[in-house]
Amino acid sequence: MFRKMRRSRQELTLAESEEILRSGREGVLALAGADGYPYAVPLNYVYADGKIYFHVAKEGHKTDCIRHSDKASFCVVSEGRIVPEEYTTYFRSAIAFGRIGVVSDEEEKRRSLYVLTEKYAPAVKEEGVDPAAMSCFPAVTMLRFDVEHLSGKQAKELK
């Protein structure tokens, strides 16, 4: 179903690919648009329990695309250094393919919002504030990306 990597010597292990997802700060979500155009958008995210979680608005282009098709891909680049004298880039990245949807379970929504907040606002945890208990919780929309295939790749110079 998913293609084998053409340059398999540069392929990372599943554990290395997951580490890129765990440690990355931003990624790019790619969705199929209802208008036939692909839609790619950079997002903050968290990788937890083998799934990728995002916070989004209740309405907008992303949610319209997800209503059209739940298939998506997500890419994180953990290193990307241009080396002009070698006409190349030293890179390290991971790409996930899977299905995406709105988190409807209240406990999963609470947990996913908490780990997302922990990642991007660690001081909140130190202060003992549960972000899921904040007054905005009912208005929050969380998406869950169920990973069906994950691969990672890095420049051969980084091996």
N, C-alpha and C. Protein backbone atom coordinates (compact mmCIF):
# COMPACT_ATOMS: atom_id res chain seq x y z
N MET A 1 0.83 -1.20 0.00
CA MET A 1 0.00 0.00 0.00
C MET A 1 0.87 1.25 0.00
N PHE A 2 1.86 1.30 0.87
CA PHE A 2 2.76 2.44 0.91
C PHE A 2 4.05 2.06 0.20
N ARG A 3 4.61 3.00 -0.51
CA ARG A 3 5.82 2.74 -1.29
C ARG A 3 7.04 2.49 -0.42
N LYS A 4 7.92 1.68 -0.94
CA LYS A 4 9.22 1.49 -0.31
C LYS A 4 10.06 2.72 -0.63
N MET A 5 10.96 3.06 0.28
CA MET A 5 11.81 4.22 0.07
C MET A 5 12.80 3.91 -1.06
N ARG A 6 12.91 4.83 -1.99
CA ARG A 6 13.79 4.64 -3.15
C ARG A 6 15.25 4.57 -2.72
N ARG A 7 15.65 5.46 -1.85
CA ARG A 7 17.04 5.47 -1.36
C ARG A 7 17.07 4.85 0.03
N SER A 8 16.94 3.55 0.07
CA SER A 8 16.78 2.84 1.34
C SER A 8 18.00 2.96 2.26
N ARG A 9 19.16 3.27 1.70
CA ARG A 9 20.35 3.45 2.55
C ARG A 9 20.19 4.66 3.49
N GLN A 10 19.31 5.56 3.13
CA GLN A 10 19.10 6.76 3.94
C GLN A 10 17.91 6.62 4.88
N GLU A 11 17.25 5.46 4.85
CA GLU A 11 16.06 5.25 5.66
C GLU A 11 16.41 5.10 7.14
N LEU A 12 15.61 5.75 7.97
CA LEU A 12 15.78 5.65 9.42
C LEU A 12 14.92 4.51 9.95
N THR A 13 15.24 4.03 11.13
CA THR A 13 14.42 3.01 11.76
C THR A 13 13.12 3.64 12.24
N LEU A 14 12.17 2.79 12.58
CA LEU A 14 10.90 3.28 13.11
C LEU A 14 11.14 4.07 14.39
N ALA A 15 12.01 3.58 15.26
CA ALA A 15 12.31 4.29 16.51
C ALA A 15 12.92 5.66 16.24
N GLU A 16 13.81 5.76 15.27
CA GLU A 16 14.43 7.05 14.93
C GLU A 16 13.38 8.01 14.34
N SER A 17 12.48 7.47 13.54
CA SER A 17 11.41 8.28 12.95
C SER A 17 10.47 8.80 14.04
N GLU A 18 10.13 7.93 15.00
CA GLU A 18 9.28 8.36 16.10
C GLU A 18 9.96 9.42 16.96
N GLU A 19 11.27 9.32 17.12
CA GLU A 19 12.00 10.33 17.89
C GLU A 19 11.91 11.70 17.22
N ILE A 20 11.94 11.73 15.90
CA ILE A 20 11.78 13.00 15.19
C ILE A 20 10.39 13.58 15.49
N LEU A 21 9.36 12.73 15.48
CA LEU A 21 8.01 13.21 15.80
C LEU A 21 7.92 13.70 17.24
N ARG A 22 8.54 12.95 18.16
CA ARG A 22 8.49 13.35 19.58
C ARG A 22 9.19 14.68 19.83
N SER A 23 10.32 14.89 19.19
CA SER A 23 11.14 16.06 19.50
C SER A 23 10.88 17.27 18.61
N GLY A 24 10.14 17.09 17.53
CA GLY A 24 9.90 18.19 16.60
C GLY A 24 9.04 19.29 17.21
N ARG A 25 9.22 20.51 16.72
CA ARG A 25 8.45 21.66 17.21
C ARG A 25 7.26 21.98 16.30
N GLU A 26 7.47 21.87 15.01
CA GLU A 26 6.41 22.15 14.04
C GLU A 26 6.44 21.10 12.96
N GLY A 27 5.30 20.88 12.37
CA GLY A 27 5.21 19.98 11.24
C GLY A 27 4.27 20.56 10.20
N VAL A 28 4.20 19.89 9.07
CA VAL A 28 3.30 20.32 8.01
C VAL A 28 2.29 19.21 7.75
N LEU A 29 1.01 19.57 7.90
CA LEU A 29 -0.09 18.66 7.65
C LEU A 29 -0.56 18.86 6.22
N ALA A 30 -0.68 17.77 5.47
CA ALA A 30 -1.16 17.84 4.09
C ALA A 30 -2.50 17.11 4.00
N LEU A 31 -3.49 17.80 3.46
CA LEU A 31 -4.85 17.27 3.35
C LEU A 31 -5.32 17.36 1.90
N ALA A 32 -6.33 16.55 1.57
CA ALA A 32 -6.95 16.62 0.25
C ALA A 32 -8.07 17.64 0.32
N GLY A 33 -8.01 18.63 -0.52
CA GLY A 33 -9.04 19.67 -0.52
C GLY A 33 -10.26 19.25 -1.32
N ALA A 34 -11.41 19.71 -0.88
CA ALA A 34 -12.67 19.40 -1.57
C ALA A 34 -12.67 19.99 -2.98
N ASP A 35 -11.86 21.03 -3.20
CA ASP A 35 -11.80 21.68 -4.51
C ASP A 35 -10.79 21.02 -5.45
N GLY A 36 -10.19 19.91 -5.00
CA GLY A 36 -9.22 19.20 -5.84
C GLY A 36 -7.78 19.62 -5.62
N TYR A 37 -7.56 20.73 -4.93
CA TYR A 37 -6.21 21.17 -4.64
C TYR A 37 -5.75 20.59 -3.30
N PRO A 38 -4.50 20.11 -3.23
CA PRO A 38 -3.99 19.69 -1.92
C PRO A 38 -3.80 20.92 -1.02
N TYR A 39 -3.90 20.70 0.27
CA TYR A 39 -3.76 21.80 1.23
C TYR A 39 -2.72 21.38 2.26
N ALA A 40 -1.65 22.14 2.35
CA ALA A 40 -0.59 21.86 3.33
C ALA A 40 -0.48 23.06 4.26
N VAL A 41 -0.42 22.78 5.56
CA VAL A 41 -0.41 23.85 6.54
C VAL A 41 0.54 23.50 7.69
N PRO A 42 1.43 24.44 8.07
CA PRO A 42 2.31 24.19 9.22
C PRO A 42 1.51 24.27 10.52
N LEU A 43 1.79 23.35 11.45
CA LEU A 43 1.05 23.29 12.70
C LEU A 43 1.96 22.91 13.86
N ASN A 44 1.62 23.39 15.03
CA ASN A 44 2.18 22.85 16.26
C ASN A 44 1.42 21.56 16.54
N TYR A 45 2.08 20.61 17.15
CA TYR A 45 1.48 19.30 17.36
C TYR A 45 2.14 18.63 18.56
N VAL A 46 1.59 17.50 18.94
CA VAL A 46 2.25 16.65 19.93
C VAL A 46 2.06 15.20 19.48
N TYR A 47 3.11 14.41 19.66
CA TYR A 47 3.07 12.98 19.35
C TYR A 47 2.97 12.26 20.68
N ALA A 48 1.86 11.57 20.90
CA ALA A 48 1.64 10.89 22.17
C ALA A 48 0.87 9.59 21.92
N ASP A 49 1.30 8.54 22.57
CA ASP A 49 0.63 7.24 22.45
C ASP A 49 0.51 6.77 21.01
N GLY A 50 1.53 7.08 20.19
CA GLY A 50 1.53 6.63 18.80
C GLY A 50 0.60 7.40 17.88
N LYS A 51 0.07 8.52 18.37
CA LYS A 51 -0.84 9.35 17.59
C LYS A 51 -0.34 10.79 17.59
N ILE A 52 -0.77 11.56 16.60
CA ILE A 52 -0.38 12.96 16.50
C ILE A 52 -1.64 13.79 16.77
N TYR A 53 -1.51 14.77 17.67
CA TYR A 53 -2.65 15.61 18.04
C TYR A 53 -2.38 17.07 17.67
N PHE A 54 -3.46 17.74 17.23
CA PHE A 54 -3.42 19.15 16.84
C PHE A 54 -4.60 19.87 17.47
N HIS A 55 -4.44 21.15 17.68
CA HIS A 55 -5.54 22.02 18.11
C HIS A 55 -5.92 22.86 16.89
N VAL A 56 -7.20 22.92 16.58
CA VAL A 56 -7.65 23.68 15.40
C VAL A 56 -8.93 24.45 15.71
N ALA A 57 -9.26 25.35 14.81
CA ALA A 57 -10.52 26.08 14.92
C ALA A 57 -11.67 25.14 14.51
N LYS A 58 -12.84 25.43 15.01
CA LYS A 58 -14.01 24.59 14.70
C LYS A 58 -14.39 24.67 13.22
N GLU A 59 -14.13 25.78 12.59
CA GLU A 59 -14.46 25.99 11.17
C GLU A 59 -13.23 26.49 10.44
N GLY A 60 -13.16 26.20 9.16
CA GLY A 60 -12.06 26.70 8.35
C GLY A 60 -11.64 25.69 7.30
N HIS A 61 -10.58 26.03 6.61
CA HIS A 61 -10.12 25.22 5.49
C HIS A 61 -9.74 23.81 5.93
N LYS A 62 -9.00 23.68 7.06
CA LYS A 62 -8.60 22.35 7.53
C LYS A 62 -9.81 21.47 7.79
N THR A 63 -10.77 21.99 8.53
CA THR A 63 -11.95 21.18 8.87
C THR A 63 -12.77 20.85 7.63
N ASP A 64 -12.84 21.76 6.67
CA ASP A 64 -13.53 21.47 5.41
C ASP A 64 -12.83 20.32 4.67
N CYS A 65 -11.51 20.36 4.63
CA CYS A 65 -10.75 19.30 3.96
C CYS A 65 -10.96 17.95 4.63
N ILE A 66 -10.96 17.93 5.96
CA ILE A 66 -11.13 16.68 6.71
C ILE A 66 -12.53 16.11 6.48
N ARG A 67 -13.52 16.96 6.35
CA ARG A 67 -14.87 16.49 6.03
C ARG A 67 -14.89 15.82 4.65
N HIS A 68 -14.06 16.34 3.76
CA HIS A 68 -13.98 15.80 2.39
C HIS A 68 -13.27 14.45 2.38
N SER A 69 -12.14 14.34 3.08
CA SER A 69 -11.35 13.11 3.11
C SER A 69 -10.57 13.05 4.42
N ASP A 70 -10.58 11.90 5.07
CA ASP A 70 -9.85 11.76 6.32
C ASP A 70 -8.40 11.32 6.12
N LYS A 71 -7.99 11.09 4.87
CA LYS A 71 -6.60 10.71 4.60
C LYS A 71 -5.72 11.95 4.63
N ALA A 72 -4.53 11.78 5.24
CA ALA A 72 -3.62 12.93 5.37
C ALA A 72 -2.19 12.43 5.48
N SER A 73 -1.27 13.35 5.34
CA SER A 73 0.14 13.06 5.64
C SER A 73 0.67 14.20 6.50
N PHE A 74 1.73 13.89 7.24
CA PHE A 74 2.30 14.87 8.15
C PHE A 74 3.81 14.72 8.09
N CYS A 75 4.51 15.85 7.95
CA CYS A 75 5.96 15.85 7.79
C CYS A 75 6.61 16.73 8.84
N VAL A 76 7.70 16.22 9.43
CA VAL A 76 8.50 16.99 10.38
C VAL A 76 9.95 16.94 9.91
N VAL A 77 10.59 18.09 9.81
CA VAL A 77 12.00 18.18 9.45
C VAL A 77 12.75 18.59 10.71
N SER A 78 13.63 17.71 11.19
CA SER A 78 14.36 18.03 12.42
C SER A 78 15.72 18.66 12.13
N GLU A 79 16.17 18.52 10.90
CA GLU A 79 17.42 19.18 10.51
C GLU A 79 17.32 19.47 9.03
N GLY A 80 17.77 20.63 8.63
CA GLY A 80 17.78 21.00 7.23
C GLY A 80 18.83 22.06 7.00
N ARG A 81 20.04 21.62 6.74
CA ARG A 81 21.17 22.54 6.60
C ARG A 81 21.64 22.54 5.14
N ILE A 82 21.55 23.67 4.49
CA ILE A 82 22.00 23.78 3.10
C ILE A 82 23.53 23.84 3.09
N VAL A 83 24.13 23.03 2.20
CA VAL A 83 25.58 22.98 2.05
C VAL A 83 25.89 23.37 0.60
N PRO A 84 26.01 24.69 0.35
CA PRO A 84 26.14 25.18 -1.03
C PRO A 84 27.34 24.62 -1.78
N GLU A 85 28.47 24.47 -1.11
CA GLU A 85 29.67 23.99 -1.80
C GLU A 85 29.54 22.54 -2.26
N GLU A 86 28.55 21.81 -1.71
CA GLU A 86 28.31 20.43 -2.13
C GLU A 86 27.03 20.30 -2.95
N TYR A 87 26.35 21.42 -3.18
CA TYR A 87 25.08 21.43 -3.91
C TYR A 87 24.08 20.44 -3.31
N THR A 88 23.96 20.48 -1.99
CA THR A 88 23.06 19.55 -1.32
C THR A 88 22.52 20.14 -0.02
N THR A 89 21.69 19.39 0.63
CA THR A 89 21.14 19.73 1.93
C THR A 89 21.33 18.55 2.86
N TYR A 90 21.83 18.80 4.04
CA TYR A 90 21.89 17.77 5.08
C TYR A 90 20.56 17.85 5.83
N PHE A 91 19.79 16.79 5.75
CA PHE A 91 18.44 16.82 6.31
C PHE A 91 18.19 15.56 7.14
N ARG A 92 17.19 15.66 7.97
CA ARG A 92 16.67 14.54 8.77
C ARG A 92 15.18 14.82 8.92
N SER A 93 14.34 13.89 8.47
CA SER A 93 12.90 14.14 8.49
C SER A 93 12.12 12.85 8.68
N ALA A 94 10.86 13.02 9.02
CA ALA A 94 9.93 11.89 9.15
C ALA A 94 8.62 12.28 8.47
N ILE A 95 8.00 11.30 7.83
CA ILE A 95 6.71 11.51 7.18
C ILE A 95 5.77 10.41 7.64
N ALA A 96 4.59 10.83 8.10
CA ALA A 96 3.55 9.90 8.53
C ALA A 96 2.38 9.99 7.56
N PHE A 97 1.78 8.85 7.29
CA PHE A 97 0.56 8.77 6.51
C PHE A 97 -0.50 8.16 7.41
N GLY A 98 -1.72 8.65 7.30
CA GLY A 98 -2.77 8.07 8.12
C GLY A 98 -4.09 8.76 7.92
N ARG A 99 -4.92 8.61 8.94
CA ARG A 99 -6.27 9.17 8.90
C ARG A 99 -6.44 10.14 10.06
N ILE A 100 -7.20 11.20 9.79
CA ILE A 100 -7.35 12.27 10.77
C ILE A 100 -8.82 12.55 11.04
N GLY A 101 -9.12 12.89 12.27
CA GLY A 101 -10.49 13.21 12.62
C GLY A 101 -10.57 13.97 13.93
N VAL A 102 -11.73 14.47 14.24
CA VAL A 102 -11.96 15.23 15.47
C VAL A 102 -12.01 14.26 16.65
N VAL A 103 -11.35 14.64 17.73
CA VAL A 103 -11.40 13.85 18.97
C VAL A 103 -12.75 14.12 19.62
N SER A 104 -13.57 13.09 19.70
CA SER A 104 -14.91 13.27 20.28
C SER A 104 -15.00 12.79 21.72
N ASP A 105 -14.12 11.87 22.10
CA ASP A 105 -14.12 11.38 23.48
C ASP A 105 -13.59 12.46 24.41
N GLU A 106 -14.38 12.81 25.41
CA GLU A 106 -14.04 13.92 26.32
C GLU A 106 -12.72 13.69 27.06
N GLU A 107 -12.47 12.47 27.52
CA GLU A 107 -11.24 12.18 28.26
C GLU A 107 -10.03 12.25 27.34
N GLU A 108 -10.13 11.72 26.13
CA GLU A 108 -9.03 11.80 25.18
C GLU A 108 -8.76 13.25 24.79
N LYS A 109 -9.81 14.02 24.63
CA LYS A 109 -9.67 15.45 24.31
C LYS A 109 -8.93 16.17 25.43
N ARG A 110 -9.29 15.89 26.66
CA ARG A 110 -8.65 16.50 27.83
C ARG A 110 -7.16 16.12 27.90
N ARG A 111 -6.90 14.83 27.73
CA ARG A 111 -5.52 14.33 27.78
C ARG A 111 -4.67 14.92 26.65
N SER A 112 -5.22 14.94 25.44
CA SER A 112 -4.44 15.44 24.30
C SER A 112 -4.17 16.94 24.42
N LEU A 113 -5.13 17.69 24.91
CA LEU A 113 -4.91 19.13 25.13
C LEU A 113 -3.85 19.34 26.20
N TYR A 114 -3.88 18.50 27.23
CA TYR A 114 -2.91 18.63 28.31
C TYR A 114 -1.49 18.36 27.81
N VAL A 115 -1.28 17.28 27.04
CA VAL A 115 0.09 16.98 26.57
C VAL A 115 0.55 18.01 25.55
N LEU A 116 -0.38 18.57 24.77
CA LEU A 116 -0.01 19.64 23.83
C LEU A 116 0.43 20.88 24.61
N THR A 117 -0.31 21.22 25.65
CA THR A 117 0.04 22.37 26.47
C THR A 117 1.35 22.14 27.21
N GLU A 118 1.56 20.92 27.69
CA GLU A 118 2.82 20.57 28.37
C GLU A 118 4.02 20.81 27.45
N LYS A 119 3.85 20.46 26.18
CA LYS A 119 4.95 20.60 25.22
C LYS A 119 5.28 22.06 24.93
N TYR A 120 4.27 22.88 24.72
CA TYR A 120 4.51 24.26 24.29
C TYR A 120 4.44 25.30 25.41
N ALA A 121 3.90 24.94 26.55
CA ALA A 121 3.83 25.86 27.69
C ALA A 121 4.14 25.08 28.97
N PRO A 122 5.38 24.59 29.11
CA PRO A 122 5.72 23.74 30.26
C PRO A 122 5.54 24.44 31.61
N ALA A 123 5.59 25.76 31.65
CA ALA A 123 5.40 26.49 32.91
C ALA A 123 4.00 26.25 33.47
N VAL A 124 3.04 25.98 32.61
CA VAL A 124 1.68 25.74 33.05
C VAL A 124 1.64 24.52 33.97
N LYS A 125 2.38 23.47 33.59
CA LYS A 125 2.42 22.26 34.41
C LYS A 125 3.07 22.55 35.76
N GLU A 126 4.15 23.32 35.72
CA GLU A 126 4.87 23.66 36.96
C GLU A 126 3.98 24.45 37.91
N GLU A 127 3.08 25.25 37.37
CA GLU A 127 2.17 26.04 38.20
C GLU A 127 0.99 25.22 38.69
N GLY A 128 0.89 23.96 38.22
CA GLY A 128 -0.19 23.08 38.66
C GLY A 128 -1.54 23.39 38.07
N VAL A 129 -1.56 24.09 36.94
CA VAL A 129 -2.83 24.43 36.30
C VAL A 129 -3.12 23.37 35.24
N ASP A 130 -4.31 22.81 35.28
CA ASP A 130 -4.72 21.84 34.27
C ASP A 130 -5.37 22.62 33.13
N PRO A 131 -4.70 22.71 31.96
CA PRO A 131 -5.26 23.51 30.87
C PRO A 131 -6.62 22.99 30.41
N ALA A 132 -6.86 21.69 30.60
CA ALA A 132 -8.14 21.14 30.17
C ALA A 132 -9.28 21.60 31.07
N ALA A 133 -8.96 22.16 32.24
CA ALA A 133 -10.00 22.64 33.15
C ALA A 133 -10.30 24.12 32.93
N MET A 134 -9.56 24.74 32.03
CA MET A 134 -9.79 26.17 31.78
C MET A 134 -11.16 26.39 31.15
N SER A 135 -11.65 27.57 31.25
CA SER A 135 -12.99 27.88 30.76
C SER A 135 -13.13 27.70 29.25
N CYS A 136 -12.02 27.73 28.52
CA CYS A 136 -12.10 27.60 27.06
C CYS A 136 -12.22 26.15 26.60
N PHE A 137 -12.09 25.19 27.49
CA PHE A 137 -12.09 23.77 27.11
C PHE A 137 -13.27 23.38 26.22
N PRO A 138 -14.50 23.78 26.54
CA PRO A 138 -15.62 23.37 25.68
C PRO A 138 -15.50 23.86 24.23
N ALA A 139 -14.82 24.97 24.02
CA ALA A 139 -14.69 25.53 22.68
C ALA A 139 -13.52 24.94 21.89
N VAL A 140 -12.68 24.17 22.55
CA VAL A 140 -11.48 23.63 21.92
C VAL A 140 -11.83 22.45 21.00
N THR A 141 -11.22 22.44 19.82
CA THR A 141 -11.33 21.29 18.91
C THR A 141 -9.94 20.66 18.79
N MET A 142 -9.87 19.38 19.09
CA MET A 142 -8.62 18.64 18.96
C MET A 142 -8.80 17.62 17.84
N LEU A 143 -7.74 17.49 17.03
CA LEU A 143 -7.71 16.49 15.97
C LEU A 143 -6.74 15.39 16.36
N ARG A 144 -7.06 14.16 15.97
CA ARG A 144 -6.16 13.03 16.17
C ARG A 144 -5.80 12.45 14.82
N PHE A 145 -4.51 12.30 14.60
CA PHE A 145 -3.98 11.70 13.38
C PHE A 145 -3.53 10.29 13.74
N ASP A 146 -4.22 9.29 13.23
CA ASP A 146 -3.85 7.90 13.47
C ASP A 146 -2.84 7.48 12.41
N VAL A 147 -1.63 7.20 12.86
CA VAL A 147 -0.52 6.88 11.96
C VAL A 147 -0.70 5.46 11.41
N GLU A 148 -0.75 5.34 10.08
CA GLU A 148 -0.83 4.04 9.43
C GLU A 148 0.53 3.62 8.88
N HIS A 149 1.34 4.60 8.54
CA HIS A 149 2.68 4.33 8.00
C HIS A 149 3.59 5.48 8.38
N LEU A 150 4.77 5.16 8.87
CA LEU A 150 5.75 6.18 9.27
C LEU A 150 7.10 5.79 8.72
N SER A 151 7.77 6.77 8.11
CA SER A 151 9.14 6.54 7.64
C SER A 151 9.96 7.78 7.92
N GLY A 152 11.25 7.56 8.03
CA GLY A 152 12.18 8.66 8.25
C GLY A 152 13.34 8.51 7.30
N LYS A 153 13.97 9.64 7.04
CA LYS A 153 15.09 9.64 6.10
C LYS A 153 16.06 10.71 6.52
N GLN A 154 17.33 10.45 6.26
CA GLN A 154 18.34 11.48 6.54
C GLN A 154 19.40 11.45 5.45
N ALA A 155 20.06 12.58 5.31
CA ALA A 155 21.15 12.70 4.33
C ALA A 155 22.22 11.67 4.65
N LYS A 156 22.79 11.07 3.62
CA LYS A 156 23.80 10.04 3.83
C LYS A 156 25.01 10.59 4.57
N GLU A 157 25.23 11.90 4.47
CA GLU A 157 26.37 12.51 5.15
C GLU A 157 26.18 12.54 6.67
N LEU A 158 24.97 12.37 7.15
CA LEU A 158 24.71 12.40 8.59
C LEU A 158 24.80 11.03 9.25
N LYS A 159 24.94 9.98 8.47
CA LYS A 159 25.02 8.61 9.01
C LYS A 159 26.31 8.38 9.76
